[in-house]
Amino acid sequence: MNQDGYNCYMYMIEQGDTLYNISRRYNTPLALILKANPYVDIYRLQVGDEICIPNVNPSPIEVMPYQVEEGDSLGSVLNKLDIELQDLLNLNRPEDIMLLPGSTLCVPNFGEEVPYE
């Protein structure tokens, strides 16, 4: 997705998120997140709001968000997205891999549509 000239994807704010912890999670400078989201009130982030996370990490694969659904397990997510556990671990810190419905994971997009059933 491209917002204001940034190659980015949209991230949905979750309970307890701050722009600082989002910047650390996605290894993106906080200043760049702020620049890509000039209308975000950093003091009033609301659960469900979407912000642009600029993709600053050169990678041979595209990274996209996956929102965990009710009933998802680690195995079902890996099978649904046709990815390996290492792919998921390369893009997420182990402590950030929470399979709570509505939480977001970074997943590789190998050029195929992600099946959302």
N, C-alpha and C. Protein backbone atom coordinates (compact mmCIF):
# COMPACT_ATOMS: atom_id res chain seq x y z
N MET A 1 0.86 -1.18 0.00
CA MET A 1 0.00 0.00 0.00
C MET A 1 0.90 1.23 0.00
N ASN A 2 0.47 2.27 -0.64
CA ASN A 2 1.25 3.48 -0.73
C ASN A 2 0.44 4.63 -0.15
N GLN A 3 0.95 5.25 0.89
CA GLN A 3 0.27 6.38 1.52
C GLN A 3 1.24 7.53 1.59
N ASP A 4 0.90 8.62 0.95
CA ASP A 4 1.76 9.81 0.95
C ASP A 4 3.18 9.50 0.51
N GLY A 5 3.32 8.60 -0.48
CA GLY A 5 4.63 8.29 -1.02
C GLY A 5 5.41 7.23 -0.27
N TYR A 6 4.82 6.63 0.77
CA TYR A 6 5.51 5.59 1.53
C TYR A 6 5.03 4.22 1.10
N ASN A 7 5.97 3.30 0.91
CA ASN A 7 5.62 1.91 0.69
C ASN A 7 5.31 1.34 2.06
N CYS A 8 4.05 1.06 2.31
CA CYS A 8 3.67 0.64 3.65
C CYS A 8 2.50 -0.31 3.61
N TYR A 9 2.19 -0.86 4.76
CA TYR A 9 0.97 -1.62 4.93
C TYR A 9 0.23 -1.03 6.12
N MET A 10 -1.05 -1.29 6.16
CA MET A 10 -1.87 -0.72 7.22
C MET A 10 -1.87 -1.64 8.44
N TYR A 11 -1.68 -1.04 9.60
CA TYR A 11 -1.66 -1.76 10.86
C TYR A 11 -2.84 -1.29 11.70
N MET A 12 -3.59 -2.23 12.28
CA MET A 12 -4.72 -1.87 13.13
C MET A 12 -4.27 -1.81 14.59
N ILE A 13 -4.53 -0.68 15.22
CA ILE A 13 -4.14 -0.46 16.61
C ILE A 13 -4.85 -1.47 17.51
N GLU A 14 -4.06 -2.07 18.42
CA GLU A 14 -4.58 -3.03 19.38
C GLU A 14 -4.47 -2.46 20.78
N GLN A 15 -5.18 -3.08 21.71
CA GLN A 15 -5.15 -2.65 23.11
C GLN A 15 -3.71 -2.61 23.62
N GLY A 16 -3.30 -1.51 24.23
CA GLY A 16 -1.97 -1.38 24.81
C GLY A 16 -0.90 -0.88 23.85
N ASP A 17 -1.23 -0.71 22.57
CA ASP A 17 -0.25 -0.23 21.60
C ASP A 17 0.15 1.21 21.86
N THR A 18 1.41 1.49 21.63
CA THR A 18 1.92 2.85 21.54
C THR A 18 2.70 2.92 20.24
N LEU A 19 2.88 4.09 19.70
CA LEU A 19 3.67 4.19 18.47
C LEU A 19 5.09 3.73 18.72
N TYR A 20 5.60 3.95 19.92
CA TYR A 20 6.95 3.51 20.24
C TYR A 20 7.06 1.98 20.17
N ASN A 21 6.12 1.25 20.82
CA ASN A 21 6.25 -0.20 20.78
C ASN A 21 5.96 -0.76 19.39
N ILE A 22 5.12 -0.09 18.62
CA ILE A 22 4.89 -0.51 17.23
C ILE A 22 6.17 -0.31 16.42
N SER A 23 6.84 0.82 16.64
CA SER A 23 8.08 1.08 15.89
C SER A 23 9.14 0.03 16.22
N ARG A 24 9.22 -0.39 17.47
CA ARG A 24 10.18 -1.43 17.86
C ARG A 24 9.81 -2.77 17.27
N ARG A 25 8.52 -3.10 17.31
CA ARG A 25 8.05 -4.39 16.80
C ARG A 25 8.35 -4.56 15.32
N TYR A 26 8.18 -3.47 14.55
CA TYR A 26 8.37 -3.55 13.10
C TYR A 26 9.71 -2.98 12.65
N ASN A 27 10.58 -2.67 13.61
CA ASN A 27 11.92 -2.16 13.30
C ASN A 27 11.88 -0.99 12.32
N THR A 28 10.98 -0.07 12.62
CA THR A 28 10.78 1.13 11.80
C THR A 28 10.97 2.35 12.69
N PRO A 29 11.77 3.31 12.27
CA PRO A 29 11.99 4.49 13.11
C PRO A 29 10.67 5.19 13.46
N LEU A 30 10.53 5.55 14.73
CA LEU A 30 9.33 6.24 15.20
C LEU A 30 9.08 7.51 14.39
N ALA A 31 10.13 8.25 14.10
CA ALA A 31 9.98 9.49 13.32
C ALA A 31 9.37 9.21 11.95
N LEU A 32 9.72 8.09 11.33
CA LEU A 32 9.17 7.75 10.02
C LEU A 32 7.70 7.38 10.13
N ILE A 33 7.32 6.66 11.18
CA ILE A 33 5.90 6.34 11.39
C ILE A 33 5.11 7.63 11.58
N LEU A 34 5.65 8.55 12.36
CA LEU A 34 4.97 9.83 12.57
C LEU A 34 4.84 10.61 11.27
N LYS A 35 5.91 10.62 10.46
CA LYS A 35 5.88 11.34 9.19
C LYS A 35 4.87 10.72 8.22
N ALA A 36 4.73 9.41 8.24
CA ALA A 36 3.80 8.72 7.34
C ALA A 36 2.36 8.84 7.81
N ASN A 37 2.16 9.27 9.06
CA ASN A 37 0.82 9.38 9.64
C ASN A 37 0.65 10.74 10.29
N PRO A 38 0.64 11.81 9.49
CA PRO A 38 0.64 13.15 10.08
C PRO A 38 -0.62 13.50 10.87
N TYR A 39 -1.69 12.78 10.67
CA TYR A 39 -2.94 13.12 11.35
C TYR A 39 -3.22 12.24 12.56
N VAL A 40 -2.27 11.39 12.93
CA VAL A 40 -2.46 10.51 14.08
C VAL A 40 -2.17 11.29 15.36
N ASP A 41 -3.10 11.24 16.29
CA ASP A 41 -2.90 11.86 17.60
C ASP A 41 -2.20 10.83 18.48
N ILE A 42 -0.91 11.01 18.70
CA ILE A 42 -0.13 10.01 19.42
C ILE A 42 -0.58 9.83 20.86
N TYR A 43 -1.33 10.77 21.39
CA TYR A 43 -1.80 10.69 22.77
C TYR A 43 -3.18 10.05 22.88
N ARG A 44 -3.82 9.81 21.73
CA ARG A 44 -5.17 9.26 21.75
C ARG A 44 -5.34 8.14 20.71
N LEU A 45 -4.43 7.18 20.71
CA LEU A 45 -4.58 6.04 19.82
C LEU A 45 -5.81 5.25 20.26
N GLN A 46 -6.62 4.88 19.29
CA GLN A 46 -7.84 4.13 19.59
C GLN A 46 -7.75 2.73 19.01
N VAL A 47 -8.17 1.73 19.78
CA VAL A 47 -8.21 0.36 19.28
C VAL A 47 -9.06 0.34 18.01
N GLY A 48 -8.51 -0.27 16.96
CA GLY A 48 -9.23 -0.35 15.68
C GLY A 48 -8.80 0.70 14.67
N ASP A 49 -8.13 1.78 15.13
CA ASP A 49 -7.60 2.77 14.19
C ASP A 49 -6.54 2.10 13.33
N GLU A 50 -6.38 2.56 12.10
CA GLU A 50 -5.34 2.03 11.22
C GLU A 50 -4.29 3.09 10.96
N ILE A 51 -3.04 2.66 10.99
CA ILE A 51 -1.94 3.55 10.67
C ILE A 51 -1.06 2.89 9.61
N CYS A 52 -0.29 3.71 8.93
CA CYS A 52 0.65 3.25 7.91
C CYS A 52 1.96 2.89 8.58
N ILE A 53 2.44 1.66 8.37
CA ILE A 53 3.77 1.26 8.83
C ILE A 53 4.67 1.23 7.60
N PRO A 54 5.54 2.22 7.44
CA PRO A 54 6.43 2.23 6.27
C PRO A 54 7.35 1.02 6.29
N ASN A 55 7.53 0.43 5.14
CA ASN A 55 8.42 -0.73 5.01
C ASN A 55 9.82 -0.21 4.68
N VAL A 56 10.69 -0.21 5.68
CA VAL A 56 12.05 0.30 5.49
C VAL A 56 13.07 -0.82 5.42
N ASN A 57 12.62 -2.04 5.64
CA ASN A 57 13.54 -3.17 5.63
C ASN A 57 13.63 -3.77 4.24
N PRO A 58 14.79 -3.66 3.60
CA PRO A 58 14.89 -4.29 2.30
C PRO A 58 14.74 -5.79 2.45
N SER A 59 13.84 -6.35 1.68
CA SER A 59 13.55 -7.76 1.80
C SER A 59 13.18 -8.30 0.43
N PRO A 60 13.59 -9.50 0.12
CA PRO A 60 13.22 -10.06 -1.17
C PRO A 60 11.75 -10.45 -1.23
N ILE A 61 11.07 -10.45 -0.06
CA ILE A 61 9.66 -10.79 -0.04
C ILE A 61 8.87 -9.62 0.51
N GLU A 62 7.64 -9.55 0.13
CA GLU A 62 6.74 -8.52 0.64
C GLU A 62 6.18 -9.01 1.97
N VAL A 63 6.04 -8.10 2.91
CA VAL A 63 5.49 -8.42 4.22
C VAL A 63 4.12 -7.79 4.32
N MET A 64 3.18 -8.55 4.88
CA MET A 64 1.82 -8.02 5.04
C MET A 64 1.28 -8.44 6.39
N PRO A 65 0.27 -7.75 6.89
CA PRO A 65 -0.31 -8.13 8.17
C PRO A 65 -1.32 -9.26 8.00
N TYR A 66 -1.45 -10.08 9.01
CA TYR A 66 -2.49 -11.10 9.07
C TYR A 66 -3.19 -10.94 10.41
N GLN A 67 -4.49 -10.77 10.37
CA GLN A 67 -5.25 -10.61 11.61
C GLN A 67 -5.76 -11.98 12.05
N VAL A 68 -5.39 -12.37 13.26
CA VAL A 68 -5.76 -13.68 13.81
C VAL A 68 -7.28 -13.75 13.96
N GLU A 69 -7.82 -14.90 13.55
CA GLU A 69 -9.27 -15.11 13.60
C GLU A 69 -9.62 -16.08 14.72
N GLU A 70 -10.86 -16.07 15.13
CA GLU A 70 -11.35 -17.01 16.14
C GLU A 70 -11.07 -18.43 15.69
N GLY A 71 -10.49 -19.24 16.56
CA GLY A 71 -10.21 -20.64 16.25
C GLY A 71 -8.87 -20.89 15.60
N ASP A 72 -8.12 -19.83 15.26
CA ASP A 72 -6.80 -20.02 14.66
C ASP A 72 -5.85 -20.67 15.67
N SER A 73 -5.04 -21.58 15.18
CA SER A 73 -3.93 -22.14 15.95
C SER A 73 -2.67 -21.87 15.16
N LEU A 74 -1.53 -22.08 15.77
CA LEU A 74 -0.28 -21.85 15.05
C LEU A 74 -0.25 -22.71 13.79
N GLY A 75 -0.61 -23.97 13.91
CA GLY A 75 -0.62 -24.87 12.76
C GLY A 75 -1.60 -24.45 11.68
N SER A 76 -2.79 -24.02 12.08
CA SER A 76 -3.79 -23.63 11.08
C SER A 76 -3.37 -22.36 10.34
N VAL A 77 -2.72 -21.43 11.04
CA VAL A 77 -2.24 -20.20 10.38
C VAL A 77 -1.14 -20.56 9.39
N LEU A 78 -0.20 -21.39 9.81
CA LEU A 78 0.89 -21.80 8.90
C LEU A 78 0.33 -22.51 7.68
N ASN A 79 -0.64 -23.40 7.88
CA ASN A 79 -1.25 -24.11 6.75
C ASN A 79 -2.05 -23.18 5.85
N LYS A 80 -2.85 -22.31 6.46
CA LYS A 80 -3.70 -21.39 5.69
C LYS A 80 -2.86 -20.48 4.79
N LEU A 81 -1.73 -20.01 5.33
CA LEU A 81 -0.89 -19.08 4.59
C LEU A 81 0.21 -19.77 3.80
N ASP A 82 0.31 -21.10 3.96
CA ASP A 82 1.32 -21.91 3.28
C ASP A 82 2.72 -21.36 3.53
N ILE A 83 3.02 -21.17 4.83
CA ILE A 83 4.33 -20.67 5.24
C ILE A 83 4.92 -21.62 6.28
N GLU A 84 6.21 -21.49 6.52
CA GLU A 84 6.91 -22.28 7.51
C GLU A 84 6.98 -21.49 8.82
N LEU A 85 7.16 -22.20 9.92
CA LEU A 85 7.29 -21.54 11.22
C LEU A 85 8.43 -20.53 11.20
N GLN A 86 9.54 -20.88 10.55
CA GLN A 86 10.68 -19.97 10.51
C GLN A 86 10.33 -18.66 9.81
N ASP A 87 9.46 -18.71 8.78
CA ASP A 87 9.00 -17.49 8.11
C ASP A 87 8.32 -16.56 9.11
N LEU A 88 7.48 -17.15 9.95
CA LEU A 88 6.76 -16.36 10.95
C LEU A 88 7.72 -15.81 12.00
N LEU A 89 8.67 -16.64 12.44
CA LEU A 89 9.63 -16.20 13.44
C LEU A 89 10.59 -15.14 12.91
N ASN A 90 10.88 -15.17 11.62
CA ASN A 90 11.76 -14.16 11.03
C ASN A 90 11.12 -12.78 11.02
N LEU A 91 9.80 -12.71 11.02
CA LEU A 91 9.10 -11.43 10.89
C LEU A 91 8.45 -10.96 12.19
N ASN A 92 8.44 -11.80 13.21
CA ASN A 92 7.79 -11.45 14.47
C ASN A 92 8.68 -11.91 15.62
N ARG A 93 8.71 -11.13 16.67
CA ARG A 93 9.41 -11.59 17.87
C ARG A 93 8.55 -12.69 18.49
N PRO A 94 9.16 -13.74 19.04
CA PRO A 94 8.37 -14.84 19.61
C PRO A 94 7.33 -14.36 20.63
N GLU A 95 7.68 -13.36 21.44
CA GLU A 95 6.73 -12.88 22.44
C GLU A 95 5.57 -12.09 21.82
N ASP A 96 5.70 -11.71 20.54
CA ASP A 96 4.62 -10.99 19.86
C ASP A 96 3.67 -11.91 19.12
N ILE A 97 4.00 -13.19 19.05
CA ILE A 97 3.14 -14.14 18.33
C ILE A 97 2.04 -14.61 19.29
N MET A 98 1.02 -13.78 19.37
CA MET A 98 -0.15 -14.11 20.19
C MET A 98 -1.28 -14.50 19.25
N LEU A 99 -1.91 -15.60 19.54
CA LEU A 99 -2.98 -16.05 18.67
C LEU A 99 -4.35 -15.70 19.23
N LEU A 100 -4.44 -14.49 19.75
CA LEU A 100 -5.72 -13.99 20.23
C LEU A 100 -6.48 -13.39 19.07
N PRO A 101 -7.78 -13.70 18.92
CA PRO A 101 -8.55 -13.13 17.81
C PRO A 101 -8.40 -11.61 17.77
N GLY A 102 -8.07 -11.10 16.59
CA GLY A 102 -7.89 -9.66 16.40
C GLY A 102 -6.46 -9.21 16.49
N SER A 103 -5.56 -10.04 17.05
CA SER A 103 -4.15 -9.63 17.09
C SER A 103 -3.56 -9.74 15.69
N THR A 104 -2.47 -9.04 15.45
CA THR A 104 -1.90 -8.96 14.11
C THR A 104 -0.51 -9.58 14.08
N LEU A 105 -0.25 -10.37 13.05
CA LEU A 105 1.06 -10.96 12.80
C LEU A 105 1.59 -10.41 11.48
N CYS A 106 2.90 -10.28 11.38
CA CYS A 106 3.52 -9.97 10.09
C CYS A 106 3.79 -11.31 9.41
N VAL A 107 3.36 -11.42 8.17
CA VAL A 107 3.55 -12.66 7.43
C VAL A 107 4.11 -12.34 6.06
N PRO A 108 4.86 -13.28 5.50
CA PRO A 108 5.40 -13.05 4.15
C PRO A 108 4.31 -13.22 3.11
N ASN A 109 4.39 -12.41 2.08
CA ASN A 109 3.49 -12.55 0.93
C ASN A 109 4.37 -12.94 -0.24
N PHE A 110 4.30 -14.19 -0.62
CA PHE A 110 5.13 -14.71 -1.69
C PHE A 110 4.51 -14.46 -3.06
N GLY A 111 3.71 -13.39 -3.16
CA GLY A 111 3.13 -13.03 -4.45
C GLY A 111 1.80 -13.69 -4.72
N GLU A 112 1.23 -14.33 -3.72
CA GLU A 112 -0.06 -14.99 -3.90
C GLU A 112 -1.08 -14.30 -2.99
N GLU A 113 -2.33 -14.39 -3.40
CA GLU A 113 -3.40 -13.86 -2.56
C GLU A 113 -3.49 -14.72 -1.31
N VAL A 114 -3.69 -14.07 -0.16
CA VAL A 114 -3.86 -14.81 1.08
C VAL A 114 -5.29 -15.27 1.16
N PRO A 115 -5.51 -16.58 1.40
CA PRO A 115 -6.88 -17.06 1.49
C PRO A 115 -7.53 -16.69 2.81
N TYR A 116 -8.54 -15.86 2.76
CA TYR A 116 -9.30 -15.52 3.95
C TYR A 116 -10.64 -16.20 3.81
N GLU A 117 -10.86 -17.21 4.63
CA GLU A 117 -12.10 -17.98 4.52
C GLU A 117 -12.98 -17.71 5.70
